[in-house]
Amino acid sequence: MISAKISPWPIFRIYSNCLFLIFTCLFGCRHPRPLPLVCELAQPATLSAGAPRYSEVCFSSRWERPRDATDTFDTFEAARAFHADWLLWTYTTDTGYIRRAKRAGLKVQVALTPTLPDWPPTPRRHERGRMLDSLGNRVVPPWMEGWDTWWGCANHPDFQRTYRHYLSLALDAGADAFQVDDPAMSVVLLRNGWARVCFCPHCQATADSLGRSPTDIQETVVRRFHRSMKAHAEKRRGGPVPFSCNNFRGDWELFPHDLFDFGVAEAPVRRGNPEYLYAALRETRRRGKAQVFSFVSDKTWLVQKVIASVYASGGNALVPWDVWQGGGQPRYFGRPEDYAPLFAFVKAMAPYLDGYEDAFYHNTQDDPRYQNLPALPLSFPEYRRNTHAFLRARPQDPNAPVVLHLVDWEILTDSFAVLLQPQRFFPDGQIGGIRLFTPLDYEPEAHALARRSGNYQPLAQSQTLQPDPLPDGRLRLRIPKLDWHWAIVVIFPQSE
């Protein structure tokens, strides 16, 4: 009798085919997960209490002007002309000046520095509690040599007393916030090799108690100093007091910037581009901070583009007035006719700035070969220009309008087109309407009326845009030439 062996392969094939059918039904037959809506990409901000809102105008007069009979500039006239909400980064120990600013309706931020004059006063003004190098000499950074404004020591009780005095003085006069200039204090002198500090008796005693060198304890004493001064201010106020710092170019990595609630800093010309500004402000938001940028340039068209890009990225641009230029150049005082239309536009568009967060960024410099353009919320049909798109949405609110900021970085602006993917905007994949808003040219009477009434809506012109549908489901949107470099496109759902 011959017994035949049965091959296992037919059974295996039947079994594997069954498994394939089961997995296909369970997983393959499901609809692919749709791409997220832009409101799902936007993350809620966690801004510190007291930081400027997205729609607020930040103005700085480093000192009250006019400073003397020859000074032709006036702090309060300029603040009115630019529609300021904040008077930031102002160096003063004059309580009368602070009170005048408050009466003018401004929120006031007083600047604090290591050069605060002695309290109680001394004949030479900068004697008590100052840093000493290893030879016992008082010190300043290189750019202050010859001024005799010796820097205070964060570890010295006399300078701590001076600092607390000026904090209290400003708070009692109505100051809302403080800007800390040169926040690294002794650490910046060490970091740059300008001086070996601090060898005052208090730093020496602290270092000896820890078995360390006076230069090794400076980060610890500076960090403790800033925390204690904020605690003093909030105890005196009986509530939160925001402290910002001069975090040059928006840097949060350098010590001790991360201790502060927000940054107010210069952006140098080499950082005056939309890619950097967007990336810096995205990192700022990731850290739960806010950022105000002052741009170091006197080129009107370039400053205008930077202002637009900063607001489009979720920051605040400091009014270009009383701007440090570096290199011994005179300070720059921008004119209302060049910049007030942009700041009035910010106030007019407050409903589409406040509460909106970053959802997507795209520009015509991106290489389209490596992107699935039809899947993006927006893209450009041509990639020869220098146009930047900043898409912002209310986090997790699928029924709110979506806001698209467009900033044209071409020297000679012209009309251009944008492609929208409706499936990425609202749950039903439908767009109900589109309106484009742009600044109006400067008219002094119209600006004066807006200031008096508080109604800035007439200082933003608008028009309805009709998109052209494309075969792949996207919409082509034609954008007219942007004379002020900036447009805000509001995209409404069907229900609006």
Protein backbone atom coordinates (compact mmCIF):
# COMPACT_ATOMS: atom_id res chain seq x y z
CA MET A 1 0.00 0.00 0.00
CA ILE A 2 1.36 3.32 -1.04
CA SER A 3 0.67 6.26 1.30
CA ALA A 4 0.69 9.68 -0.37
CA LYS A 5 2.04 12.74 1.47
CA ILE A 6 -0.21 15.79 1.40
CA SER A 7 1.72 19.00 0.63
CA PRO A 8 1.16 21.79 3.19
CA TRP A 9 1.49 24.58 0.59
CA PRO A 10 -2.14 24.62 -0.69
CA ILE A 11 -3.39 24.85 2.90
CA PHE A 12 -0.88 27.62 3.66
CA ARG A 13 -1.99 29.55 0.58
CA ILE A 14 -5.64 29.29 1.60
CA TYR A 15 -4.78 30.40 5.13
CA SER A 16 -2.65 33.35 4.00
CA ASN A 17 -5.29 34.48 1.50
CA CYS A 18 -7.90 34.46 4.26
CA LEU A 19 -5.65 36.56 6.47
CA PHE A 20 -5.06 38.97 3.60
CA LEU A 21 -8.82 39.37 3.07
CA ILE A 22 -9.39 39.93 6.79
CA PHE A 23 -6.68 42.61 7.02
CA THR A 24 -7.91 44.23 3.82
CA CYS A 25 -11.43 44.48 5.20
CA LEU A 26 -10.27 45.71 8.58
CA PHE A 27 -7.73 48.26 7.40
CA GLY A 28 -7.60 48.62 3.64
CA CYS A 29 -11.30 49.37 3.22
CA ARG A 30 -11.18 52.25 5.65
CA HIS A 31 -11.04 55.77 4.27
CA PRO A 32 -7.57 57.27 4.71
CA ARG A 33 -7.34 59.70 7.60
CA PRO A 34 -7.95 63.19 6.22
CA LEU A 35 -5.19 65.74 6.49
CA PRO A 36 -5.60 68.00 9.54
CA LEU A 37 -7.49 71.26 9.32
CA VAL A 38 -5.43 74.39 9.80
CA CYS A 39 -7.19 75.06 13.12
CA GLU A 40 -5.83 71.69 14.30
CA LEU A 41 -2.29 72.75 13.39
CA ALA A 42 -2.51 75.99 15.37
CA GLN A 43 -1.47 75.58 19.00
CA PRO A 44 -2.80 77.75 21.85
CA ALA A 45 -0.34 80.40 23.02
CA THR A 46 0.79 80.51 26.63
CA LEU A 47 1.88 84.13 26.80
CA SER A 48 3.03 85.61 30.07
CA ALA A 49 0.60 87.93 31.80
CA GLY A 50 1.14 91.51 30.70
CA ALA A 51 2.92 90.82 27.40
CA PRO A 52 1.71 92.97 24.47
CA ARG A 53 -1.25 91.60 22.54
CA TYR A 54 -0.80 90.80 18.84
CA SER A 55 -2.88 93.86 17.90
CA GLU A 56 -1.06 96.35 20.12
CA VAL A 57 1.30 99.04 18.87
CA CYS A 58 4.61 99.24 20.72
CA PHE A 59 6.49 102.53 20.70
CA SER A 60 9.78 103.47 22.34
CA SER A 61 11.29 106.79 23.26
CA ARG A 62 14.53 105.81 24.92
CA TRP A 63 14.45 109.12 26.79
CA GLU A 64 11.73 111.71 27.14
CA ARG A 65 11.89 114.18 24.26
CA PRO A 66 12.49 117.00 23.70
CA ARG A 67 15.65 116.56 25.76
CA ASP A 68 16.63 120.22 25.47
CA ALA A 69 15.73 123.40 23.59
CA THR A 70 17.44 122.18 20.40
CA ASP A 71 15.61 118.83 20.27
CA THR A 72 12.90 118.90 17.58
CA PHE A 73 11.35 115.55 18.54
CA ASP A 74 8.48 115.09 21.00
CA THR A 75 7.79 111.75 22.68
CA PHE A 76 4.07 112.20 23.22
CA GLU A 77 3.33 113.76 19.83
CA ALA A 78 5.08 110.85 18.12
CA ALA A 79 3.30 108.26 20.28
CA ARG A 80 -0.05 109.74 19.22
CA ALA A 81 0.94 109.92 15.56
CA PHE A 82 1.83 106.22 15.46
CA HIS A 83 -1.25 105.12 17.50
CA ALA A 84 0.88 103.69 20.31
CA ASP A 85 -0.54 101.49 23.06
CA TRP A 86 2.77 100.87 24.84
CA LEU A 87 5.70 103.12 25.73
CA LEU A 88 8.41 100.47 25.92
CA TRP A 89 12.08 100.50 26.84
CA THR A 90 12.27 104.04 28.19
CA TYR A 91 15.20 105.04 30.40
CA THR A 92 13.90 107.17 33.21
CA THR A 93 13.94 107.69 36.94
CA ASP A 94 11.49 110.61 36.55
CA THR A 95 8.15 109.73 38.12
CA GLY A 96 6.55 112.80 36.53
CA TYR A 97 7.36 111.46 33.06
CA ILE A 98 5.83 108.09 33.92
CA ARG A 99 2.65 109.76 35.18
CA ARG A 100 2.39 111.93 32.05
CA ALA A 101 2.64 108.82 29.90
CA LYS A 102 -0.10 107.12 31.91
CA ARG A 103 -2.35 110.17 31.54
CA ALA A 104 -1.75 109.95 27.78
CA GLY A 105 -3.28 106.46 27.86
CA LEU A 106 -0.02 104.56 27.42
CA LYS A 107 1.12 101.42 29.16
CA VAL A 108 4.61 102.18 30.43
CA GLN A 109 7.66 99.93 30.54
CA VAL A 110 10.67 101.38 32.38
CA ALA A 111 14.17 100.23 31.42
CA LEU A 112 16.55 98.97 34.10
CA THR A 113 20.31 98.67 33.59
CA PRO A 114 23.49 97.84 35.53
CA THR A 115 24.27 101.58 35.32
CA LEU A 116 21.46 102.80 37.59
CA PRO A 117 22.74 105.75 39.66
CA ASP A 118 23.38 105.25 43.35
CA TRP A 119 20.59 105.47 45.88
CA PRO A 120 20.99 107.28 48.19
CA PRO A 121 22.76 109.62 45.74
CA THR A 122 26.54 110.03 45.75
CA PRO A 123 28.61 112.85 44.23
CA ARG A 124 29.83 110.71 41.30
CA ARG A 125 26.50 108.83 40.97
CA HIS A 126 28.03 105.40 40.21
CA GLU A 127 30.16 104.52 43.23
CA ARG A 128 28.31 102.17 45.57
CA GLY A 129 27.90 98.45 44.97
CA ARG A 130 29.84 98.37 41.71
CA MET A 131 31.65 95.42 40.14
CA LEU A 132 35.41 95.17 40.67
CA ASP A 133 37.99 93.35 38.59
CA SER A 134 40.84 91.36 40.12
CA LEU A 135 42.87 94.57 40.53
CA GLY A 136 40.06 96.33 42.38
CA ASN A 137 39.02 98.59 39.48
CA ARG A 138 35.40 99.38 38.65
CA VAL A 139 34.42 98.16 35.18
CA VAL A 140 32.24 98.90 32.15
CA PRO A 141 31.91 97.16 28.77
CA PRO A 142 33.99 98.56 25.89
CA TRP A 143 31.23 100.73 24.39
CA MET A 144 30.82 102.60 27.71
CA GLU A 145 34.48 103.37 28.32
CA GLY A 146 35.00 106.98 29.34
CA TRP A 147 31.44 107.43 30.58
CA ASP A 148 32.21 106.54 34.23
CA THR A 149 28.84 104.76 34.44
CA TRP A 150 30.33 101.84 36.36
CA TRP A 151 28.27 98.66 36.34
CA GLY A 152 26.60 97.46 39.51
CA CYS A 153 27.27 94.05 41.06
CA ALA A 154 24.26 91.71 41.30
CA ASN A 155 25.66 90.28 44.54
CA HIS A 156 26.31 93.57 46.31
CA PRO A 157 23.69 94.70 48.87
CA ASP A 158 24.23 98.37 47.98
CA PHE A 159 23.40 97.84 44.30
CA GLN A 160 20.48 95.57 45.20
CA ARG A 161 19.14 98.39 47.38
CA THR A 162 19.56 100.87 44.50
CA TYR A 163 17.75 98.56 42.06
CA ARG A 164 14.85 97.93 44.44
CA HIS A 165 14.51 101.67 45.04
CA TYR A 166 14.07 102.46 41.33
CA LEU A 167 11.72 99.53 40.87
CA SER A 168 9.53 100.80 43.70
CA LEU A 169 9.68 104.38 42.45
CA ALA A 170 8.50 103.38 38.97
CA LEU A 171 5.76 101.06 40.25
CA ASP A 172 4.39 103.72 42.59
CA ALA A 173 4.25 106.15 39.64
CA GLY A 174 2.17 103.64 37.64
CA ALA A 175 4.72 101.69 35.56
CA ASP A 176 3.21 98.53 34.08
CA ALA A 177 6.35 96.55 33.22
CA PHE A 178 10.15 96.60 33.11
CA GLN A 179 12.73 96.07 30.38
CA VAL A 180 16.08 94.76 31.63
CA ASP A 181 18.95 95.93 29.46
CA ASP A 182 22.25 94.00 29.55
CA PRO A 183 20.56 91.29 31.65
CA ALA A 184 23.67 89.08 31.83
CA MET A 185 25.46 91.79 33.85
CA SER A 186 28.82 90.38 35.01
CA VAL A 187 28.40 87.27 32.85
CA VAL A 188 28.51 89.26 29.60
CA LEU A 189 31.84 90.77 30.66
CA LEU A 190 33.24 87.31 31.37
CA ARG A 191 31.70 85.68 28.30
CA ASN A 192 33.31 88.20 25.95
CA GLY A 193 36.62 88.42 27.79
CA TRP A 194 36.16 92.11 28.60
CA ALA A 195 36.85 91.83 32.33
CA ARG A 196 37.38 89.22 35.05
CA VAL A 197 34.69 89.99 37.60
CA CYS A 198 33.55 90.30 40.25
CA PHE A 199 36.07 90.58 43.07
CA CYS A 200 34.08 92.85 45.36
CA PRO A 201 34.11 91.73 49.03
CA HIS A 202 30.63 90.19 48.73
CA CYS A 203 31.44 88.06 45.67
CA GLN A 204 34.74 87.06 47.23
CA ALA A 205 33.01 85.98 50.45
CA THR A 206 30.30 84.05 48.58
CA ALA A 207 32.89 82.29 46.43
CA ASP A 208 35.06 81.43 49.46
CA SER A 209 32.06 79.89 51.25
CA LEU A 210 31.53 77.60 48.25
CA GLY A 211 35.19 76.85 47.67
CA ARG A 212 35.03 78.44 44.22
CA SER A 213 36.48 81.40 42.34
CA PRO A 214 34.48 84.68 42.21
CA THR A 215 34.25 84.33 38.42
CA ASP A 216 32.64 80.89 38.78
CA ILE A 217 29.64 82.08 40.79
CA GLN A 218 28.44 84.87 38.51
CA GLU A 219 25.68 82.97 36.70
CA THR A 220 24.28 81.90 40.05
CA VAL A 221 24.30 85.40 41.56
CA VAL A 222 22.85 87.04 38.42
CA ARG A 223 20.03 84.48 38.22
CA ARG A 224 19.25 84.96 41.92
CA PHE A 225 19.34 88.76 41.49
CA HIS A 226 16.75 88.81 38.68
CA ARG A 227 14.42 86.43 40.48
CA SER A 228 14.59 88.44 43.68
CA MET A 229 13.91 91.73 41.86
CA LYS A 230 10.85 90.31 40.11
CA ALA A 231 9.61 88.95 43.45
CA HIS A 232 10.12 92.38 45.03
CA ALA A 233 8.17 94.10 42.23
CA GLU A 234 5.27 91.66 42.40
CA LYS A 235 5.08 91.89 46.17
CA ARG A 236 4.93 95.68 45.97
CA ARG A 237 2.37 95.60 43.14
CA GLY A 238 0.35 92.81 44.74
CA GLY A 239 0.17 90.94 41.44
CA PRO A 240 2.11 89.96 38.30
CA VAL A 241 4.65 92.42 36.90
CA PRO A 242 6.02 91.45 33.47
CA PHE A 243 9.77 91.73 32.97
CA SER A 244 11.28 91.62 29.48
CA CYS A 245 14.92 91.68 28.47
CA ASN A 246 17.03 92.85 25.58
CA ASN A 247 17.52 89.45 23.94
CA PHE A 248 19.42 90.65 20.88
CA ARG A 249 17.95 89.29 17.59
CA GLY A 250 15.33 87.33 19.56
CA ASP A 251 17.80 84.87 21.10
CA TRP A 252 16.42 82.76 23.97
CA GLU A 253 19.38 80.40 24.32
CA LEU A 254 21.86 82.88 25.76
CA PHE A 255 22.01 83.28 29.54
CA PRO A 256 19.85 84.60 31.22
CA HIS A 257 17.17 85.40 28.61
CA ASP A 258 14.89 82.49 29.44
CA LEU A 259 14.26 83.96 32.92
CA PHE A 260 12.16 86.75 31.38
CA ASP A 261 8.53 86.93 30.28
CA PHE A 262 9.18 88.39 26.84
CA GLY A 263 11.88 89.98 24.74
CA VAL A 264 12.29 93.51 23.38
CA ALA A 265 15.33 93.55 21.15
CA GLU A 266 17.01 94.86 18.04
CA ALA A 267 17.00 92.71 14.93
CA PRO A 268 20.10 93.58 12.88
CA VAL A 269 19.89 94.08 9.11
CA ARG A 270 21.32 90.62 8.44
CA ARG A 271 18.31 89.15 10.30
CA GLY A 272 15.79 91.34 8.52
CA ASN A 273 14.24 88.63 6.37
CA PRO A 274 10.90 86.82 6.70
CA GLU A 275 12.36 83.33 7.08
CA TYR A 276 14.42 84.32 10.11
CA LEU A 277 11.67 86.41 11.68
CA TYR A 278 9.14 83.60 11.32
CA ALA A 279 11.54 80.99 12.73
CA ALA A 280 12.52 83.22 15.67
CA LEU A 281 8.90 83.95 16.56
CA ARG A 282 7.91 80.29 16.20
CA GLU A 283 10.61 79.40 18.74
CA THR A 284 9.45 82.26 20.96
CA ARG A 285 5.93 80.81 21.03
CA ARG A 286 7.24 77.30 21.66
CA ARG A 287 8.83 78.64 24.84
CA GLY A 288 5.64 80.40 25.94
CA LYS A 289 7.20 83.83 25.40
CA ALA A 290 6.43 86.95 23.37
CA GLN A 291 8.78 89.08 21.28
CA VAL A 292 8.95 92.72 20.22
CA PHE A 293 11.48 93.52 17.50
CA SER A 294 13.14 96.83 16.73
CA PHE A 295 14.71 96.74 13.27
CA VAL A 296 18.08 98.43 12.82
CA SER A 297 17.70 100.11 9.42
CA ASP A 298 16.71 103.46 7.93
CA LYS A 299 15.57 102.03 4.56
CA THR A 300 11.85 102.78 4.58
CA TRP A 301 10.74 100.01 2.20
CA LEU A 302 12.76 97.40 4.10
CA VAL A 303 11.49 98.51 7.51
CA GLN A 304 7.91 98.37 6.19
CA LYS A 305 8.36 94.78 5.01
CA VAL A 306 9.88 93.79 8.36
CA ILE A 307 6.98 95.35 10.29
CA ALA A 308 4.50 93.39 8.17
CA SER A 309 6.44 90.13 8.54
CA VAL A 310 6.79 90.47 12.32
CA TYR A 311 3.06 90.95 12.85
CA ALA A 312 2.27 88.21 10.32
CA SER A 313 4.49 85.83 12.33
CA GLY A 314 2.83 86.59 15.66
CA GLY A 315 5.16 89.25 17.06
CA ASN A 316 5.07 92.99 17.63
CA ALA A 317 7.22 95.45 15.71
CA LEU A 318 8.53 98.44 17.60
CA VAL A 319 7.65 101.72 15.88
CA PRO A 320 10.78 102.83 13.97
CA TRP A 321 11.33 106.01 15.98
CA ASP A 322 14.37 106.76 18.17
CA VAL A 323 16.09 103.65 16.79
CA TRP A 324 19.72 102.87 17.59
CA GLN A 325 21.67 102.43 14.34
CA GLY A 326 25.10 101.43 15.65
CA GLY A 327 28.47 102.46 14.28
CA GLY A 328 28.16 106.00 15.61
CA GLN A 329 25.28 106.81 13.25
CA PRO A 330 22.52 109.17 14.41
CA ARG A 331 19.36 107.60 15.77
CA TYR A 332 16.60 107.01 13.21
CA PHE A 333 13.24 108.76 13.56
CA GLY A 334 10.70 107.40 11.09
CA ARG A 335 7.90 109.61 9.77
CA PRO A 336 4.18 108.96 10.38
CA GLU A 337 3.42 109.11 6.66
CA ASP A 338 5.78 106.17 6.11
CA TYR A 339 4.70 103.93 8.99
CA ALA A 340 1.46 105.08 10.66
CA PRO A 341 -0.69 103.37 7.96
CA LEU A 342 0.82 100.01 8.94
CA PHE A 343 0.21 100.50 12.66
CA ALA A 344 -3.32 101.81 12.09
CA PHE A 345 -3.89 98.69 9.97
CA VAL A 346 -2.77 96.53 12.91
CA LYS A 347 -5.38 98.14 15.14
CA ALA A 348 -8.06 97.90 12.45
CA MET A 349 -7.40 94.17 12.05
CA ALA A 350 -7.40 93.37 15.79
CA PRO A 351 -10.27 90.82 15.49
CA TYR A 352 -8.11 88.80 13.07
CA LEU A 353 -4.86 89.14 15.03
CA ASP A 354 -5.76 88.52 18.67
CA GLY A 355 -6.49 84.87 19.38
CA TYR A 356 -4.97 83.64 16.12
CA GLU A 357 -1.91 81.38 16.12
CA ASP A 358 0.56 80.02 13.60
CA ALA A 359 -0.79 77.16 11.48
CA PHE A 360 1.35 77.09 8.33
CA TYR A 361 4.09 79.03 6.55
CA HIS A 362 5.04 78.85 2.89
CA ASN A 363 6.94 80.98 0.41
CA THR A 364 7.80 81.13 -3.25
CA GLN A 365 11.41 80.22 -2.51
CA ASP A 366 10.48 76.69 -1.41
CA ASP A 367 11.44 73.95 -3.87
CA PRO A 368 8.16 72.48 -5.22
CA ARG A 369 9.88 69.26 -6.37
CA TYR A 370 9.95 67.93 -2.81
CA GLN A 371 6.43 68.85 -1.74
CA ASN A 372 3.00 67.44 -2.38
CA LEU A 373 1.60 70.82 -3.35
CA PRO A 374 -2.09 69.81 -3.76
CA ALA A 375 -2.10 68.54 -0.16
CA LEU A 376 -0.75 71.79 1.32
CA PRO A 377 -3.26 74.30 2.73
CA LEU A 378 -1.84 76.81 0.26
CA SER A 379 0.86 77.03 -2.36
CA PHE A 380 1.95 79.26 -5.21
CA PRO A 381 1.49 78.54 -8.92
CA GLU A 382 4.87 80.12 -9.73
CA TYR A 383 8.08 80.14 -7.75
CA ARG A 384 10.00 83.01 -9.30
CA ARG A 385 8.89 85.81 -6.97
CA ASN A 386 9.70 86.48 -3.30
CA THR A 387 6.30 86.23 -1.66
CA HIS A 388 5.59 84.85 1.81
CA ALA A 389 2.38 83.39 3.22
CA PHE A 390 1.62 83.10 6.94
CA LEU A 391 -1.53 81.13 7.70
CA ARG A 392 -3.05 81.69 11.16
CA ALA A 393 -6.11 80.15 12.79
CA ARG A 394 -7.96 80.00 16.08
CA PRO A 395 -6.69 76.80 17.73
CA GLN A 396 -9.21 73.95 17.63
CA ASP A 397 -12.02 76.22 16.36
CA PRO A 398 -13.16 74.79 13.01
CA ASN A 399 -15.94 77.38 12.65
CA ALA A 400 -13.77 80.50 12.96
CA PRO A 401 -12.48 82.34 9.89
CA VAL A 402 -8.91 81.52 8.87
CA VAL A 403 -6.48 84.38 8.31
CA LEU A 404 -3.81 84.46 5.61
CA HIS A 405 -1.09 87.12 5.82
CA LEU A 406 0.69 87.79 2.54
CA VAL A 407 3.90 89.83 2.49
CA ASP A 408 5.51 90.68 -0.83
CA TRP A 409 9.29 90.91 -0.43
CA GLU A 410 9.97 91.88 -4.03
CA ILE A 411 11.57 95.30 -4.47
CA LEU A 412 9.07 96.08 -7.23
CA THR A 413 5.75 94.66 -6.09
CA ASP A 414 3.25 93.26 -8.57
CA SER A 415 0.10 91.13 -8.58
CA PHE A 416 0.46 87.40 -7.94
CA ALA A 417 -1.63 84.30 -7.31
CA VAL A 418 -2.14 81.88 -4.42
CA LEU A 419 -3.61 78.37 -4.55
CA LEU A 420 -5.87 77.24 -1.69
CA GLN A 421 -6.81 73.67 -0.76
CA PRO A 422 -10.39 74.01 0.65
CA GLN A 423 -10.27 70.59 2.32
CA ARG A 424 -7.71 71.95 4.80
CA PHE A 425 -9.75 74.94 5.99
CA PHE A 426 -13.15 73.83 7.27
CA PRO A 427 -14.80 70.47 8.13
CA ASP A 428 -17.16 70.53 5.12
CA GLY A 429 -14.33 71.36 2.73
CA GLN A 430 -16.17 74.47 1.56
CA ILE A 431 -15.09 78.12 1.64
CA GLY A 432 -17.94 80.57 2.07
CA GLY A 433 -16.23 83.83 1.17
CA ILE A 434 -12.88 85.60 0.94
CA ARG A 435 -12.06 89.23 1.74
CA LEU A 436 -8.74 90.98 1.27
CA PHE A 437 -7.70 93.83 3.60
CA THR A 438 -4.82 96.25 3.00
CA PRO A 439 -3.54 99.49 4.60
CA LEU A 440 -4.65 102.86 3.28
CA ASP A 441 -2.29 105.66 2.28
CA TYR A 442 -1.63 108.24 4.97
CA GLU A 443 -4.22 110.96 5.48
CA PRO A 444 -3.54 113.00 8.65
CA GLU A 445 -7.20 113.91 9.19
CA ALA A 446 -8.37 110.30 8.91
CA HIS A 447 -5.71 109.18 11.39
CA ALA A 448 -6.61 111.95 13.83
CA LEU A 449 -10.28 110.95 13.63
CA ALA A 450 -9.42 107.29 14.30
CA ARG A 451 -7.39 108.30 17.37
CA ARG A 452 -10.23 110.40 18.77
CA SER A 453 -12.97 107.85 18.11
CA GLY A 454 -10.98 104.68 18.73
CA ASN A 455 -12.47 103.29 15.50
CA TYR A 456 -9.69 102.18 13.16
CA GLN A 457 -11.85 100.16 10.76
CA PRO A 458 -11.95 102.97 8.15
CA LEU A 459 -8.13 102.82 7.91
CA ALA A 460 -8.21 99.35 6.34
CA GLN A 461 -9.57 99.02 2.81
CA SER A 462 -11.16 95.75 1.76
CA GLN A 463 -12.46 93.93 -1.28
CA THR A 464 -14.12 90.60 -1.97
CA LEU A 465 -12.04 88.08 -3.90
CA GLN A 466 -13.61 85.52 -6.22
CA PRO A 467 -11.40 82.44 -6.59
CA ASP A 468 -11.17 80.36 -9.75
CA PRO A 469 -11.73 76.60 -9.23
CA LEU A 470 -9.09 74.25 -10.65
CA PRO A 471 -9.66 70.67 -11.91
CA ASP A 472 -7.84 69.18 -8.89
CA GLY A 473 -10.23 70.87 -6.42
CA ARG A 474 -7.96 73.73 -5.44
CA LEU A 475 -8.87 77.40 -5.75
CA ARG A 476 -6.75 79.98 -7.53
CA LEU A 477 -6.81 83.38 -5.84
CA ARG A 478 -5.53 86.45 -7.64
CA ILE A 479 -3.89 89.01 -5.31
CA PRO A 480 -3.56 92.60 -6.54
CA LYS A 481 -0.34 94.59 -6.27
CA LEU A 482 0.37 95.34 -2.59
CA ASP A 483 1.49 98.95 -2.36
CA TRP A 484 2.11 98.58 1.39
CA HIS A 485 3.70 95.13 0.95
CA TRP A 486 1.13 93.46 3.22
CA ALA A 487 -2.36 92.02 2.86
CA ILE A 488 -4.54 90.13 5.30
CA VAL A 489 -6.89 87.70 3.56
CA VAL A 490 -9.79 86.50 5.71
CA ILE A 491 -11.25 83.16 4.62
CA PHE A 492 -14.77 82.50 5.91
CA PRO A 493 -16.63 79.19 6.34
CA GLN A 494 -19.97 78.59 4.62
CA SER A 495 -21.90 79.53 7.75
CA GLU A 496 -20.49 83.07 7.84
